[in-house]
């Protein structure tokens, strides 16, 4: 499947930052700000375009495990049983001795990032991005034993944590740089301090304030559409599914379960190999718009108010808006943006009717309903396959009954 991975990260960055802001992150565009500063430093160090793509991607994703970490902490320290779901697609990654001394989000983030097919070996960049030059960081590793990408993300991370880049004045910018320089040899290496001071200017800050990060990155980092293997696409999807599902404790399996069922049904219907992996991608990403829906709504155990219901429905529009910035996936955008449409026009957001919905639109809608029924939600317990099918068989005129019958054949006995 063809995909521009870096461009995909840009498209998803707003949603990722929204999650971090809601769950307590210091900046509502922290990942993008870190990518902005990292890009400037990487260009100053004359990184080639592939390395620059890797650096920017890692910077955007450096806190990728933030929601997972929070959910694990809220779950009394026990890792949720998400991993059992992906054993058929992912090789188990064993953590080295000593990893548990690192901040939990660094450990989990390092594990997760192995799913992304970067151009270069990026081992330990995420794991070490909180290590200090003098060895006073969580793992006690000095600058000489950490890689340069981790050091760049470390200093960029703390610049954004220490200072509000959106409101920083020129006078305060100078004070900020002096503050960073005061940590030379302790938090940051001489090379990182010199690189930051020689590369980052107040003109850069004004650009960020006036135009945002993504326009800057698009100008300064050349991205490319690549043809990724099915395994690579599956891994990319698993990575983002985890972020989507871990936002809310009540949907911790949903996206990847839908994706796996999309893959199985695509096989059942003899989709081509290319179309099958694209349908898997659609299943994994169909609810990415929920990243911008408040958890108070996602996890409400009672019936939603009309205002809340409208806000919940906006997740489909959000999904389309996010995915529309990714090249080469127009079919996937269409399928995902119609997974709540119904044959009789009672669905949303467009109220389309049967003759306006493709077979793929109908299939994803059925699988989304089925998966929601057989998993626990804040307002319901798990239903058996038979109970789910009983409910779906009453949705005549709304769901495609031929597909419902095929789902019965394929998944009977699995729940």
Protein backbone atom coordinates (compact mmCIF):
# COMPACT_ATOMS: atom_id res chain seq x y z
CA UNK A 1 0.00 0.00 0.00
CA UNK A 2 1.30 3.45 -0.89
CA UNK A 3 1.54 5.94 1.97
CA UNK A 4 3.41 9.11 2.89
CA UNK A 5 4.27 8.21 6.48
CA UNK A 6 5.63 11.61 7.57
CA UNK A 7 2.65 13.36 6.00
CA UNK A 8 0.41 10.92 7.87
CA UNK A 9 2.06 11.93 11.14
CA UNK A 10 1.44 15.59 10.31
CA UNK A 11 -2.22 14.83 9.67
CA UNK A 12 -2.60 13.02 12.97
CA UNK A 13 -0.50 15.41 15.08
CA UNK A 14 -3.36 17.75 16.00
CA UNK A 15 -5.41 14.84 17.29
CA UNK A 16 -2.46 13.44 19.25
CA UNK A 17 -1.83 16.82 20.87
CA UNK A 18 -5.51 17.20 21.74
CA UNK A 19 -5.37 13.92 23.66
CA UNK A 20 -2.25 14.99 25.56
CA UNK A 21 -3.83 18.32 26.47
CA UNK A 22 -7.02 16.66 27.76
CA UNK A 23 -5.07 14.13 29.81
CA UNK A 24 -2.76 16.66 31.43
CA UNK A 25 0.11 17.40 29.02
CA UNK A 26 1.72 20.80 29.52
CA UNK A 27 1.18 22.15 26.00
CA UNK A 28 -1.74 21.68 23.65
CA UNK A 29 0.65 21.27 20.72
CA UNK A 30 3.59 19.80 22.53
CA UNK A 31 4.51 17.13 19.99
CA UNK A 32 4.43 19.58 17.10
CA UNK A 33 6.48 22.17 19.01
CA UNK A 34 9.15 19.58 19.79
CA UNK A 35 9.17 18.56 16.11
CA UNK A 36 9.54 22.23 15.10
CA UNK A 37 12.63 22.80 17.25
CA UNK A 38 14.08 19.39 16.39
CA UNK A 39 13.73 20.09 12.67
CA UNK A 40 15.60 23.39 13.01
CA UNK A 41 18.40 21.69 14.91
CA UNK A 42 18.55 18.76 12.48
CA UNK A 43 18.85 21.07 9.49
CA UNK A 44 21.64 22.99 11.24
CA UNK A 45 23.46 19.68 11.73
CA UNK A 46 23.05 18.96 7.98
CA UNK A 47 20.95 15.83 8.43
CA UNK A 48 20.00 14.20 5.16
CA UNK A 49 16.31 14.15 4.30
CA UNK A 50 15.68 10.59 5.50
CA UNK A 51 17.26 11.28 8.88
CA UNK A 52 15.35 14.55 9.10
CA UNK A 53 12.09 12.69 8.40
CA UNK A 54 12.93 10.23 11.17
CA UNK A 55 13.80 13.00 13.63
CA UNK A 56 10.60 14.94 12.97
CA UNK A 57 8.49 11.78 13.14
CA UNK A 58 10.06 10.72 16.43
CA UNK A 59 9.61 14.21 17.86
CA UNK A 60 5.90 14.20 16.98
CA UNK A 61 5.57 10.75 18.55
CA UNK A 62 7.97 11.11 21.47
CA UNK A 63 5.08 10.98 23.97
CA UNK A 64 3.14 8.39 21.97
CA UNK A 65 2.56 6.25 25.05
CA UNK A 66 1.17 9.05 27.19
CA UNK A 67 -2.46 7.86 27.09
CA UNK A 68 -1.44 4.23 27.44
CA UNK A 69 0.71 5.09 30.44
CA UNK A 70 -2.12 7.03 32.08
CA UNK A 71 -4.58 4.19 31.50
CA UNK A 72 -2.14 1.67 32.98
CA UNK A 73 -1.65 3.88 36.02
CA UNK A 74 -5.39 4.26 36.44
CA UNK A 75 -5.66 0.47 36.18
CA UNK A 76 -3.69 0.04 39.43
CA UNK A 77 -0.43 -0.47 37.63
CA UNK A 78 -1.61 -3.49 35.66
CA UNK A 79 -1.07 -3.43 31.92
CA UNK A 80 -4.39 -3.81 30.17
CA UNK A 81 -4.79 -7.01 28.17
CA UNK A 82 -4.47 -5.25 24.82
CA UNK A 83 -1.38 -7.21 23.77
CA UNK A 84 -3.25 -10.50 23.49
CA UNK A 85 -5.20 -8.96 20.63
CA UNK A 86 -2.19 -8.32 18.41
CA UNK A 87 -0.13 -11.49 18.81
CA UNK A 88 -0.98 -12.62 15.28
CA UNK A 89 0.48 -9.40 13.84
CA UNK A 90 3.34 -8.32 16.10
CA UNK A 91 6.47 -10.01 17.35
CA UNK A 92 6.72 -9.77 21.11
CA UNK A 93 9.32 -7.22 22.14
CA UNK A 94 11.27 -8.12 25.26
CA UNK A 95 12.54 -5.19 27.30
CA UNK A 96 16.12 -5.16 28.49
CA UNK A 97 17.10 -5.25 32.14
CA UNK A 98 17.01 -1.74 33.49
CA UNK A 99 14.21 -0.47 31.27
CA UNK A 100 11.79 -0.43 34.17
CA UNK A 101 13.89 2.31 35.75
CA UNK A 102 12.88 4.61 32.92
CA UNK A 103 9.71 6.71 33.02
CA UNK A 104 6.90 4.36 32.12
CA UNK A 105 5.87 6.33 29.05
CA UNK A 106 9.46 6.09 27.72
CA UNK A 107 9.47 2.30 28.10
CA UNK A 108 6.06 1.82 26.54
CA UNK A 109 6.80 4.44 23.88
CA UNK A 110 10.03 2.68 22.93
CA UNK A 111 8.13 -0.58 22.56
CA UNK A 112 5.40 1.04 20.49
CA UNK A 113 7.73 2.92 18.16
CA UNK A 114 9.18 -0.36 16.91
CA UNK A 115 5.98 -0.69 14.89
CA UNK A 116 6.82 2.34 12.74
CA UNK A 117 9.05 1.67 9.68
CA UNK A 118 11.52 4.53 9.93
CA UNK A 119 14.31 4.96 7.39
CA UNK A 120 17.09 4.43 9.95
CA UNK A 121 17.67 2.44 13.13
CA UNK A 122 16.02 4.57 15.84
CA UNK A 123 16.53 2.18 18.74
CA UNK A 124 16.50 3.89 22.16
CA UNK A 125 15.65 7.38 20.87
CA UNK A 126 12.32 7.39 22.71
CA UNK A 127 13.67 5.41 25.66
CA UNK A 128 16.51 7.89 26.25
CA UNK A 129 14.75 11.17 25.52
CA UNK A 130 14.65 12.10 29.23
CA UNK A 131 18.32 11.29 29.93
CA UNK A 132 20.56 14.16 31.06
CA UNK A 133 24.07 14.89 29.83
CA UNK A 134 25.64 14.38 33.27
CA UNK A 135 23.95 11.03 33.89
CA UNK A 136 21.40 12.39 36.37
CA UNK A 137 18.45 11.20 34.31
CA UNK A 138 16.20 8.24 35.14
CA UNK A 139 18.51 5.59 33.66
CA UNK A 140 21.73 7.29 34.72
CA UNK A 141 23.06 7.32 31.16
CA UNK A 142 25.46 10.11 30.17
CA UNK A 143 25.51 11.94 26.85
CA UNK A 144 28.29 9.74 25.49
CA UNK A 145 26.03 6.70 25.73
CA UNK A 146 22.86 8.24 24.31
CA UNK A 147 22.20 8.86 20.63
CA UNK A 148 22.06 12.31 19.10
CA UNK A 149 18.39 12.12 18.09
CA UNK A 150 17.42 11.45 21.71
CA UNK A 151 19.52 14.42 22.83
CA UNK A 152 17.86 16.73 20.30
CA UNK A 153 14.36 15.67 21.33
CA UNK A 154 15.35 16.00 25.00
CA UNK A 155 16.41 19.64 24.69
CA UNK A 156 13.52 20.52 22.36
CA UNK A 157 11.10 18.85 24.78
CA UNK A 158 12.30 20.91 27.73
CA UNK A 159 12.32 24.16 25.76
CA UNK A 160 8.60 23.66 25.16
CA UNK A 161 8.01 22.57 28.76
CA UNK A 162 9.89 25.53 30.24
CA UNK A 163 8.51 28.25 27.97
CA UNK A 164 5.19 29.11 26.31
CA UNK A 165 6.29 29.40 22.69
CA UNK A 166 2.89 30.71 21.55
CA UNK A 167 3.27 33.91 23.61
CA UNK A 168 7.05 34.24 23.92
CA UNK A 169 8.29 37.80 23.35
CA UNK A 170 11.68 38.62 21.88
CA UNK A 171 12.98 39.76 25.28
CA UNK A 172 11.72 36.58 26.91
CA UNK A 173 13.21 34.50 24.09
CA UNK A 174 16.69 35.77 24.98
CA UNK A 175 16.07 34.95 28.64
CA UNK A 176 14.86 31.52 27.63
CA UNK A 177 18.02 30.80 25.65
CA UNK A 178 20.14 32.03 28.57
CA UNK A 179 18.20 29.68 30.84
CA UNK A 180 18.86 26.73 28.53
CA UNK A 181 22.55 27.66 28.33
CA UNK A 182 22.74 27.59 32.14
CA UNK A 183 22.11 23.83 31.99
CA UNK A 184 25.16 23.22 29.79
CA UNK A 185 26.96 20.11 31.01
CA UNK A 186 24.15 19.08 33.36
CA UNK A 187 20.87 18.60 31.49
CA UNK A 188 22.33 19.16 28.03
CA UNK A 189 25.61 18.49 26.26
CA UNK A 190 27.78 21.32 24.93
CA UNK A 191 26.93 20.25 21.38
CA UNK A 192 23.17 20.36 21.97
CA UNK A 193 23.30 23.77 23.66
CA UNK A 194 25.49 25.20 20.89
CA UNK A 195 23.27 23.69 18.20
CA UNK A 196 20.12 25.14 19.73
CA UNK A 197 21.61 28.61 20.31
CA UNK A 198 23.11 28.77 16.81
CA UNK A 199 20.03 27.50 14.98
CA UNK A 200 16.86 28.64 16.75
CA UNK A 201 16.07 32.34 16.27
CA UNK A 202 13.23 34.57 17.33
CA UNK A 203 12.17 34.74 13.68
CA UNK A 204 11.44 31.03 13.98
CA UNK A 205 9.29 31.66 17.05
CA UNK A 206 7.37 34.42 15.24
CA UNK A 207 6.76 32.03 12.33
CA UNK A 208 5.40 29.43 14.72
CA UNK A 209 3.14 31.99 16.39
CA UNK A 210 1.81 33.35 13.09
CA UNK A 211 1.61 30.24 10.90
CA UNK A 212 1.91 27.15 13.09
CA UNK A 213 4.27 24.19 12.95
CA UNK A 214 2.98 22.03 10.11
CA UNK A 215 3.42 24.66 7.33
CA UNK A 216 7.03 25.07 8.46
CA UNK A 217 7.66 21.32 8.44
CA UNK A 218 6.08 20.91 4.99
CA UNK A 219 8.47 23.52 3.59
CA UNK A 220 11.59 22.23 5.33
CA UNK A 221 11.17 18.44 5.25
CA UNK A 222 10.70 16.70 1.91
CA UNK A 223 8.32 13.78 2.36
CA UNK A 224 7.69 10.93 -0.03
CA UNK A 225 5.02 8.38 -0.85
CA UNK A 226 6.39 4.87 -0.36
CA UNK A 227 4.99 1.45 -1.06
CA UNK A 228 4.82 -0.33 2.30
CA UNK A 229 4.39 -4.06 2.78
CA UNK A 230 1.22 -5.47 4.33
CA UNK A 231 3.12 -6.19 7.54
CA UNK A 232 4.38 -2.62 7.72
CA UNK A 233 0.88 -1.20 7.17
CA UNK A 234 -0.53 -3.55 9.81
CA UNK A 235 2.11 -2.35 12.26
CA UNK A 236 1.43 1.31 11.49
CA UNK A 237 -2.28 0.67 12.02
CA UNK A 238 -1.65 -1.13 15.31
CA UNK A 239 0.42 1.81 16.51
CA UNK A 240 -2.34 4.33 15.89
CA UNK A 241 -5.12 1.99 17.00
CA UNK A 242 -3.51 1.81 20.42
CA UNK A 243 -3.49 5.59 20.71
CA UNK A 244 -7.12 5.82 19.59
CA UNK A 245 -8.36 3.05 21.86
CA UNK A 246 -6.34 3.93 24.96
CA UNK A 247 -7.85 7.41 25.04
CA UNK A 248 -10.96 5.88 26.58
CA UNK A 249 -11.02 2.86 28.86
CA UNK A 250 -14.31 1.73 27.35
CA UNK A 251 -12.90 1.38 23.83
CA UNK A 252 -9.54 -0.18 24.58
CA UNK A 253 -9.99 -2.93 21.97
CA UNK A 254 -12.40 -1.43 19.49
CA UNK A 255 -10.33 -0.02 16.60
CA UNK A 256 -7.94 -2.93 16.18
CA UNK A 257 -10.72 -5.47 16.66
CA UNK A 258 -12.70 -3.76 13.89
CA UNK A 259 -9.56 -3.73 11.72
CA UNK A 260 -8.98 -7.45 12.25
CA UNK A 261 -12.59 -8.20 11.38
CA UNK A 262 -12.29 -5.99 8.30
CA UNK A 263 -9.30 -8.05 7.22
CA UNK A 264 -11.12 -11.33 7.83
CA UNK A 265 -14.26 -10.26 6.00
CA UNK A 266 -12.20 -8.84 3.13
CA UNK A 267 -10.65 -12.29 2.83
CA UNK A 268 -14.08 -13.93 2.97
CA UNK A 269 -15.30 -11.70 0.12
CA UNK A 270 -12.12 -12.31 -1.92
CA UNK A 271 -10.97 -8.68 -1.98
CA UNK A 272 -7.65 -8.22 -3.76
CA UNK A 273 -4.56 -8.17 -1.54
CA UNK A 274 -4.25 -4.40 -2.02
CA UNK A 275 -7.90 -3.73 -1.20
CA UNK A 276 -7.80 -6.05 1.81
CA UNK A 277 -4.96 -4.14 3.47
CA UNK A 278 -6.65 -0.84 2.64
CA UNK A 279 -9.85 -2.06 4.28
CA UNK A 280 -7.80 -3.10 7.32
CA UNK A 281 -6.39 0.45 7.41
CA UNK A 282 -9.93 1.85 7.26
CA UNK A 283 -11.02 -0.35 10.16
CA UNK A 284 -8.08 0.75 12.28
CA UNK A 285 -8.63 4.45 11.59
CA UNK A 286 -12.44 4.65 11.42
CA UNK A 287 -12.75 6.17 14.91
CA UNK A 288 -9.67 8.39 14.93
CA UNK A 289 -11.99 11.40 15.19
CA UNK A 290 -12.80 10.26 18.74
CA UNK A 291 -9.41 11.60 19.77
CA UNK A 292 -10.95 15.07 19.68
CA UNK A 293 -14.10 14.06 21.63
CA UNK A 294 -13.96 14.70 25.37
CA UNK A 295 -13.69 11.59 27.54
CA UNK A 296 -16.58 12.78 29.70
CA UNK A 297 -18.79 12.07 26.69
CA UNK A 298 -17.02 8.92 25.53
CA UNK A 299 -17.23 7.31 28.97
CA UNK A 300 -20.60 8.61 30.15
CA UNK A 301 -22.58 5.62 31.52
CA UNK A 302 -25.95 7.36 31.16
CA UNK A 303 -27.87 8.41 28.10
CA UNK A 304 -26.26 11.33 26.32
CA UNK A 305 -28.03 14.67 26.23
CA UNK A 306 -28.94 16.00 22.79
CA UNK A 307 -25.95 18.37 22.91
CA UNK A 308 -23.62 15.53 23.93
CA UNK A 309 -25.04 13.29 21.21
CA UNK A 310 -24.28 15.94 18.59
CA UNK A 311 -20.73 16.28 19.92
CA UNK A 312 -20.30 12.50 19.80
CA UNK A 313 -21.55 12.42 16.21
CA UNK A 314 -18.87 14.96 15.31
CA UNK A 315 -16.22 12.22 15.61
CA UNK A 316 -17.08 11.06 12.09
CA UNK A 317 -16.53 14.55 10.71
CA UNK A 318 -13.31 14.66 12.74
CA UNK A 319 -12.14 11.38 11.23
CA UNK A 320 -12.71 12.68 7.71
CA UNK A 321 -10.98 15.97 8.50
CA UNK A 322 -7.92 14.24 9.93
CA UNK A 323 -7.56 11.62 7.20
CA UNK A 324 -8.24 14.10 4.38
CA UNK A 325 -4.73 15.48 4.87
CA UNK A 326 -3.17 12.13 3.92
CA UNK A 327 -2.35 11.45 0.28
CA UNK A 328 -3.43 8.36 -1.67
CA UNK A 329 -6.28 7.21 0.63
CA UNK A 330 -9.46 8.70 -0.88
CA UNK A 331 -11.27 5.34 -0.81
CA UNK A 332 -10.36 4.83 2.86
CA UNK A 333 -11.61 8.33 3.72
CA UNK A 334 -14.96 7.53 2.07
CA UNK A 335 -15.39 4.21 3.90
CA UNK A 336 -14.48 5.63 7.31
CA UNK A 337 -16.65 8.73 6.93
CA UNK A 338 -19.73 6.57 6.25
CA UNK A 339 -19.51 3.95 8.96
CA UNK A 340 -22.46 5.47 10.85
CA UNK A 341 -24.70 5.87 7.79
CA UNK A 342 -27.77 3.61 7.58
CA UNK A 343 -29.63 2.23 4.56
CA UNK A 344 -32.86 4.05 5.48
CA UNK A 345 -31.17 7.46 5.78
CA UNK A 346 -31.35 7.51 9.59
CA UNK A 347 -27.57 7.51 10.03
CA UNK A 348 -25.09 10.37 10.25
CA UNK A 349 -23.45 12.69 9.36
CA UNK A 350 -24.97 12.90 5.87
CA UNK A 351 -28.12 10.81 6.17
CA UNK A 352 -27.24 8.80 3.04
CA UNK A 353 -29.60 6.08 1.82
CA UNK A 354 -29.03 2.57 0.43
CA UNK A 355 -28.28 3.45 -3.18
CA UNK A 356 -25.71 6.01 -2.04
CA UNK A 357 -23.73 3.51 0.05
CA UNK A 358 -21.18 1.14 -1.47
CA UNK A 359 -20.72 -2.46 -0.38
CA UNK A 360 -17.58 -1.42 1.54
CA UNK A 361 -19.49 1.39 3.31
CA UNK A 362 -22.15 -1.11 4.38
CA UNK A 363 -19.59 -3.71 5.46
CA UNK A 364 -17.65 -1.34 7.72
CA UNK A 365 -20.93 -0.11 9.23
CA UNK A 366 -21.99 -3.67 10.07
CA UNK A 367 -18.61 -4.58 11.57
CA UNK A 368 -18.57 -1.42 13.69
CA UNK A 369 -22.03 -2.23 15.10
CA UNK A 370 -21.11 -5.88 15.70
CA UNK A 371 -17.88 -5.05 17.51
CA UNK A 372 -19.58 -2.41 19.67
CA UNK A 373 -22.16 -4.99 20.74
CA UNK A 374 -19.71 -7.75 21.68
CA UNK A 375 -17.44 -5.51 23.79
CA UNK A 376 -18.05 -3.83 27.13
CA UNK A 377 -19.06 -0.17 27.12
CA UNK A 378 -19.79 2.28 29.91
CA UNK A 379 -23.51 1.81 29.31
CA UNK A 380 -23.61 -1.98 28.66
CA UNK A 381 -21.96 -5.32 29.39
CA UNK A 382 -20.43 -7.69 26.84
CA UNK A 383 -22.95 -9.44 24.61
CA UNK A 384 -22.45 -12.89 23.13
CA UNK A 385 -22.26 -13.40 19.39
CA UNK A 386 -25.82 -14.74 19.43
CA UNK A 387 -27.13 -11.78 21.42
CA UNK A 388 -25.38 -9.34 19.08
CA UNK A 389 -26.81 -11.03 16.00
CA UNK A 390 -30.28 -11.04 17.55
CA UNK A 391 -30.10 -7.26 17.91
CA UNK A 392 -28.63 -6.74 14.45
CA UNK A 393 -31.28 -8.92 12.81
CA UNK A 394 -33.87 -6.46 14.13
CA UNK A 395 -32.12 -3.61 12.28
CA UNK A 396 -33.76 -4.53 8.97
CA UNK A 397 -33.73 -1.53 6.69
CA UNK A 398 -30.77 0.00 8.51
CA UNK A 399 -28.03 -2.62 8.03
CA UNK A 400 -27.33 -4.83 5.02
CA UNK A 401 -28.83 -8.17 6.11
CA UNK A 402 -26.77 -10.19 3.62
CA UNK A 403 -23.62 -8.86 5.29
CA UNK A 404 -25.10 -9.48 8.75
CA UNK A 405 -25.70 -13.12 7.80
CA UNK A 406 -22.11 -13.43 6.54
CA UNK A 407 -20.80 -11.94 9.78
CA UNK A 408 -22.78 -14.61 11.60
CA UNK A 409 -21.06 -17.32 9.54
CA UNK A 410 -17.58 -15.88 10.02
CA UNK A 411 -17.59 -15.02 13.72
CA UNK A 412 -19.92 -17.56 15.33
CA UNK A 413 -18.20 -19.15 18.27
CA UNK A 414 -15.50 -16.47 18.64
CA UNK A 415 -17.10 -14.61 21.55
